[in-house]
Amino acid sequence: MSKSFNTPDKVIYVCTGSKCKKKGGKDLSKLFRGMIKDLGLKGQVEVIKTDCTDRCDYAPVTCMQPDNAWMPYTDERKAKEAFQEHILNNTPKQENP
């Protein structure tokens, strides 16, 4: 028996390599997960912690898909703005059954 799983509409990649982690990458993933939960977007948007993205000079680095929006030096303010622009403004509305 094969198992299937749902794929999200949007994905937020957060680098948690050593330098990004030290500069807040782990906290950013928690922030995004909290926003997703609070806004009822679980299943539509997923946060993936990545290993090093090899962009250490720009730590912490995040990326929002499918927009392919890479954000260097992401702090809480930038994270919230990017979430609004790339996730909320582009998330299809759910239809009521």
N, C-alpha and C. Protein backbone atom coordinates (compact mmCIF):
# COMPACT_ATOMS: atom_id res chain seq x y z
N MET A 1 0.84 -1.17 0.00
CA MET A 1 0.00 0.00 0.00
C MET A 1 0.89 1.24 0.00
N SER A 2 0.65 2.12 -0.94
CA SER A 2 1.46 3.33 -1.00
C SER A 2 0.77 4.45 -0.22
N LYS A 3 1.57 5.28 0.38
CA LYS A 3 1.06 6.41 1.13
C LYS A 3 1.27 7.66 0.30
N SER A 4 0.34 8.56 0.37
CA SER A 4 0.51 9.83 -0.33
C SER A 4 0.54 10.95 0.70
N PHE A 5 1.01 12.07 0.28
CA PHE A 5 1.03 13.22 1.17
C PHE A 5 0.69 14.46 0.37
N ASN A 6 0.19 15.46 1.08
CA ASN A 6 -0.18 16.71 0.43
C ASN A 6 1.06 17.59 0.26
N THR A 7 1.12 18.26 -0.85
CA THR A 7 2.21 19.21 -1.07
C THR A 7 1.67 20.61 -0.86
N PRO A 8 2.43 21.46 -0.19
CA PRO A 8 1.96 22.82 0.09
C PRO A 8 1.99 23.69 -1.17
N ASP A 9 1.19 24.74 -1.15
CA ASP A 9 1.18 25.71 -2.24
C ASP A 9 2.43 26.60 -2.20
N LYS A 10 2.89 26.91 -1.01
CA LYS A 10 4.04 27.79 -0.80
C LYS A 10 5.01 27.12 0.16
N VAL A 11 6.30 27.42 -0.02
CA VAL A 11 7.32 26.88 0.87
C VAL A 11 8.27 28.02 1.24
N ILE A 12 8.60 28.08 2.53
CA ILE A 12 9.58 29.05 3.02
C ILE A 12 10.79 28.25 3.47
N TYR A 13 11.92 28.50 2.83
CA TYR A 13 13.17 27.85 3.21
C TYR A 13 13.95 28.80 4.11
N VAL A 14 14.37 28.29 5.25
CA VAL A 14 15.16 29.09 6.19
C VAL A 14 16.48 28.38 6.41
N CYS A 15 17.56 29.07 6.09
CA CYS A 15 18.88 28.48 6.30
C CYS A 15 19.15 28.40 7.80
N THR A 16 19.57 27.22 8.23
CA THR A 16 19.97 27.05 9.63
C THR A 16 21.38 26.46 9.70
N GLY A 17 22.19 26.80 8.68
CA GLY A 17 23.60 26.48 8.75
C GLY A 17 24.20 27.22 9.93
N SER A 18 25.43 26.94 10.30
CA SER A 18 25.98 27.48 11.55
C SER A 18 25.93 29.01 11.65
N LYS A 19 26.31 29.73 10.61
CA LYS A 19 26.31 31.20 10.69
C LYS A 19 24.89 31.76 10.70
N CYS A 20 24.02 31.21 9.84
CA CYS A 20 22.63 31.69 9.81
C CYS A 20 21.92 31.38 11.13
N LYS A 21 22.20 30.21 11.67
CA LYS A 21 21.59 29.82 12.94
C LYS A 21 22.00 30.79 14.05
N LYS A 22 23.28 31.14 14.09
CA LYS A 22 23.78 32.07 15.11
C LYS A 22 23.18 33.46 14.96
N LYS A 23 22.83 33.82 13.72
CA LYS A 23 22.29 35.16 13.47
C LYS A 23 20.76 35.19 13.42
N GLY A 24 20.11 34.10 13.85
CA GLY A 24 18.66 34.13 13.99
C GLY A 24 17.86 33.23 13.08
N GLY A 25 18.51 32.39 12.30
CA GLY A 25 17.79 31.52 11.37
C GLY A 25 16.79 30.61 12.06
N LYS A 26 17.18 30.02 13.17
CA LYS A 26 16.28 29.12 13.90
C LYS A 26 15.06 29.88 14.42
N ASP A 27 15.28 31.10 14.92
CA ASP A 27 14.17 31.92 15.41
C ASP A 27 13.22 32.31 14.27
N LEU A 28 13.78 32.54 13.08
CA LEU A 28 12.94 32.88 11.93
C LEU A 28 12.01 31.72 11.57
N SER A 29 12.52 30.50 11.62
CA SER A 29 11.65 29.37 11.29
C SER A 29 10.51 29.27 12.31
N LYS A 30 10.79 29.54 13.57
CA LYS A 30 9.74 29.54 14.59
C LYS A 30 8.72 30.66 14.34
N LEU A 31 9.22 31.83 13.95
CA LEU A 31 8.35 32.96 13.64
C LEU A 31 7.40 32.61 12.50
N PHE A 32 7.96 32.08 11.41
CA PHE A 32 7.13 31.72 10.25
C PHE A 32 6.11 30.64 10.61
N ARG A 33 6.54 29.63 11.36
CA ARG A 33 5.60 28.56 11.75
C ARG A 33 4.46 29.11 12.60
N GLY A 34 4.78 30.04 13.49
CA GLY A 34 3.75 30.67 14.31
C GLY A 34 2.77 31.47 13.47
N MET A 35 3.28 32.21 12.49
CA MET A 35 2.41 32.99 11.61
C MET A 35 1.50 32.08 10.80
N ILE A 36 2.06 30.99 10.30
CA ILE A 36 1.27 30.03 9.52
C ILE A 36 0.15 29.44 10.38
N LYS A 37 0.47 29.07 11.59
CA LYS A 37 -0.53 28.50 12.50
C LYS A 37 -1.60 29.53 12.84
N ASP A 38 -1.17 30.74 13.22
CA ASP A 38 -2.11 31.79 13.62
C ASP A 38 -3.07 32.17 12.50
N LEU A 39 -2.61 32.09 11.26
CA LEU A 39 -3.43 32.49 10.12
C LEU A 39 -4.17 31.32 9.48
N GLY A 40 -4.06 30.15 10.06
CA GLY A 40 -4.78 28.99 9.55
C GLY A 40 -4.29 28.52 8.19
N LEU A 41 -3.00 28.65 7.94
CA LEU A 41 -2.44 28.28 6.64
C LEU A 41 -1.72 26.94 6.65
N LYS A 42 -1.87 26.20 7.74
CA LYS A 42 -1.21 24.90 7.83
C LYS A 42 -1.69 24.00 6.69
N GLY A 43 -0.77 23.36 6.02
CA GLY A 43 -1.09 22.53 4.87
C GLY A 43 -0.95 23.28 3.56
N GLN A 44 -1.11 24.60 3.60
CA GLN A 44 -0.95 25.43 2.41
C GLN A 44 0.46 26.00 2.31
N VAL A 45 1.06 26.28 3.46
CA VAL A 45 2.40 26.87 3.53
C VAL A 45 3.23 26.03 4.48
N GLU A 46 4.46 25.75 4.08
CA GLU A 46 5.33 24.92 4.91
C GLU A 46 6.68 25.61 5.07
N VAL A 47 7.28 25.45 6.24
CA VAL A 47 8.61 25.97 6.51
C VAL A 47 9.58 24.80 6.50
N ILE A 48 10.65 24.95 5.74
CA ILE A 48 11.69 23.93 5.66
C ILE A 48 12.99 24.56 6.14
N LYS A 49 13.58 23.96 7.18
CA LYS A 49 14.90 24.40 7.63
C LYS A 49 15.93 23.70 6.75
N THR A 50 16.81 24.47 6.15
CA THR A 50 17.82 23.90 5.27
C THR A 50 19.18 23.93 5.96
N ASP A 51 20.06 23.09 5.45
CA ASP A 51 21.45 23.17 5.86
C ASP A 51 22.03 24.41 5.18
N CYS A 52 23.29 24.60 5.23
CA CYS A 52 23.95 25.78 4.68
C CYS A 52 23.59 26.00 3.21
N THR A 53 23.24 27.24 2.87
CA THR A 53 22.94 27.62 1.49
C THR A 53 24.17 28.23 0.80
N ASP A 54 25.29 28.26 1.51
CA ASP A 54 26.55 28.81 1.00
C ASP A 54 26.46 30.30 0.70
N ARG A 55 25.66 30.99 1.49
CA ARG A 55 25.53 32.45 1.38
C ARG A 55 25.78 33.07 2.77
N CYS A 56 26.79 32.57 3.43
CA CYS A 56 27.07 32.91 4.82
C CYS A 56 27.29 34.41 5.05
N ASP A 57 27.82 35.11 4.05
CA ASP A 57 28.06 36.55 4.20
C ASP A 57 26.76 37.34 4.31
N TYR A 58 25.63 36.71 4.03
CA TYR A 58 24.33 37.38 4.03
C TYR A 58 23.39 36.84 5.11
N ALA A 59 23.95 36.17 6.10
CA ALA A 59 23.16 35.50 7.13
C ALA A 59 22.30 36.45 7.96
N PRO A 60 21.12 35.98 8.34
CA PRO A 60 20.45 34.75 7.95
C PRO A 60 19.71 34.91 6.62
N VAL A 61 19.67 33.84 5.86
CA VAL A 61 19.08 33.83 4.53
C VAL A 61 17.78 33.03 4.53
N THR A 62 16.77 33.58 3.87
CA THR A 62 15.51 32.87 3.68
C THR A 62 15.13 32.92 2.20
N CYS A 63 14.26 32.01 1.79
CA CYS A 63 13.80 31.96 0.41
C CYS A 63 12.34 31.54 0.41
N MET A 64 11.53 32.24 -0.38
CA MET A 64 10.10 31.92 -0.47
C MET A 64 9.77 31.43 -1.87
N GLN A 65 9.17 30.25 -1.90
CA GLN A 65 8.79 29.62 -3.16
C GLN A 65 7.28 29.56 -3.28
N PRO A 66 6.69 29.67 -4.44
CA PRO A 66 7.32 29.53 -5.74
C PRO A 66 7.86 30.83 -6.33
N ASP A 67 7.85 31.94 -5.58
CA ASP A 67 8.31 33.22 -6.12
C ASP A 67 9.82 33.27 -6.32
N ASN A 68 10.56 32.32 -5.74
CA ASN A 68 12.02 32.32 -5.79
C ASN A 68 12.59 33.63 -5.25
N ALA A 69 12.00 34.10 -4.16
CA ALA A 69 12.41 35.35 -3.53
C ALA A 69 13.43 35.06 -2.44
N TRP A 70 14.69 35.37 -2.70
CA TRP A 70 15.77 35.17 -1.75
C TRP A 70 15.96 36.45 -0.95
N MET A 71 16.06 36.30 0.37
CA MET A 71 16.21 37.47 1.23
C MET A 71 17.44 37.36 2.12
N PRO A 72 18.41 38.23 1.91
CA PRO A 72 19.58 38.25 2.78
C PRO A 72 19.30 39.05 4.05
N TYR A 73 20.11 38.82 5.07
CA TYR A 73 20.04 39.58 6.32
C TYR A 73 18.60 39.66 6.85
N THR A 74 17.89 38.56 6.85
CA THR A 74 16.49 38.57 7.24
C THR A 74 16.35 38.75 8.74
N ASP A 75 15.65 39.83 9.12
CA ASP A 75 15.32 40.03 10.53
C ASP A 75 13.81 39.89 10.66
N GLU A 76 13.28 40.08 11.84
CA GLU A 76 11.84 39.87 12.06
C GLU A 76 11.00 40.79 11.18
N ARG A 77 11.38 42.04 11.07
CA ARG A 77 10.62 42.99 10.25
C ARG A 77 10.60 42.56 8.79
N LYS A 78 11.78 42.22 8.24
CA LYS A 78 11.86 41.77 6.84
C LYS A 78 11.08 40.48 6.63
N ALA A 79 11.14 39.59 7.62
CA ALA A 79 10.43 38.32 7.52
C ALA A 79 8.92 38.55 7.43
N LYS A 80 8.40 39.44 8.26
CA LYS A 80 6.96 39.72 8.25
C LYS A 80 6.54 40.38 6.94
N GLU A 81 7.35 41.31 6.45
CA GLU A 81 7.05 41.97 5.18
C GLU A 81 7.06 40.97 4.03
N ALA A 82 8.05 40.10 4.00
CA ALA A 82 8.16 39.10 2.94
C ALA A 82 7.01 38.11 3.02
N PHE A 83 6.61 37.74 4.22
CA PHE A 83 5.49 36.83 4.40
C PHE A 83 4.22 37.46 3.81
N GLN A 84 4.02 38.73 4.10
CA GLN A 84 2.85 39.45 3.57
C GLN A 84 2.89 39.47 2.04
N GLU A 85 4.04 39.82 1.49
CA GLU A 85 4.16 39.97 0.04
C GLU A 85 4.13 38.65 -0.72
N HIS A 86 4.88 37.68 -0.27
CA HIS A 86 5.06 36.44 -1.04
C HIS A 86 4.14 35.29 -0.63
N ILE A 87 3.59 35.36 0.56
CA ILE A 87 2.72 34.29 1.01
C ILE A 87 1.25 34.75 1.04
N LEU A 88 0.96 35.77 1.81
CA LEU A 88 -0.43 36.19 1.96
C LEU A 88 -1.01 36.82 0.70
N ASN A 89 -0.25 37.66 0.04
CA ASN A 89 -0.77 38.33 -1.16
C ASN A 89 -0.89 37.39 -2.34
N ASN A 90 -0.27 36.22 -2.26
CA ASN A 90 -0.28 35.28 -3.38
C ASN A 90 -0.91 33.94 -3.04
N THR A 91 -1.56 33.83 -1.88
CA THR A 91 -2.16 32.56 -1.49
C THR A 91 -3.58 32.50 -2.02
N PRO A 92 -3.90 31.47 -2.78
CA PRO A 92 -5.28 31.35 -3.28
C PRO A 92 -6.27 31.21 -2.12
N LYS A 93 -7.43 31.80 -2.29
CA LYS A 93 -8.48 31.71 -1.29
C LYS A 93 -9.04 30.30 -1.27
N GLN A 94 -9.32 29.79 -0.08
CA GLN A 94 -9.94 28.48 0.04
C GLN A 94 -11.43 28.64 -0.22
N GLU A 95 -11.98 27.69 -0.94
CA GLU A 95 -13.42 27.70 -1.20
C GLU A 95 -14.12 26.98 -0.07
N ASN A 96 -15.28 27.50 0.28
CA ASN A 96 -16.10 26.84 1.30
C ASN A 96 -16.86 25.70 0.66
N PRO A 97 -16.87 24.53 1.31
CA PRO A 97 -17.58 23.38 0.72
C PRO A 97 -19.09 23.58 0.73
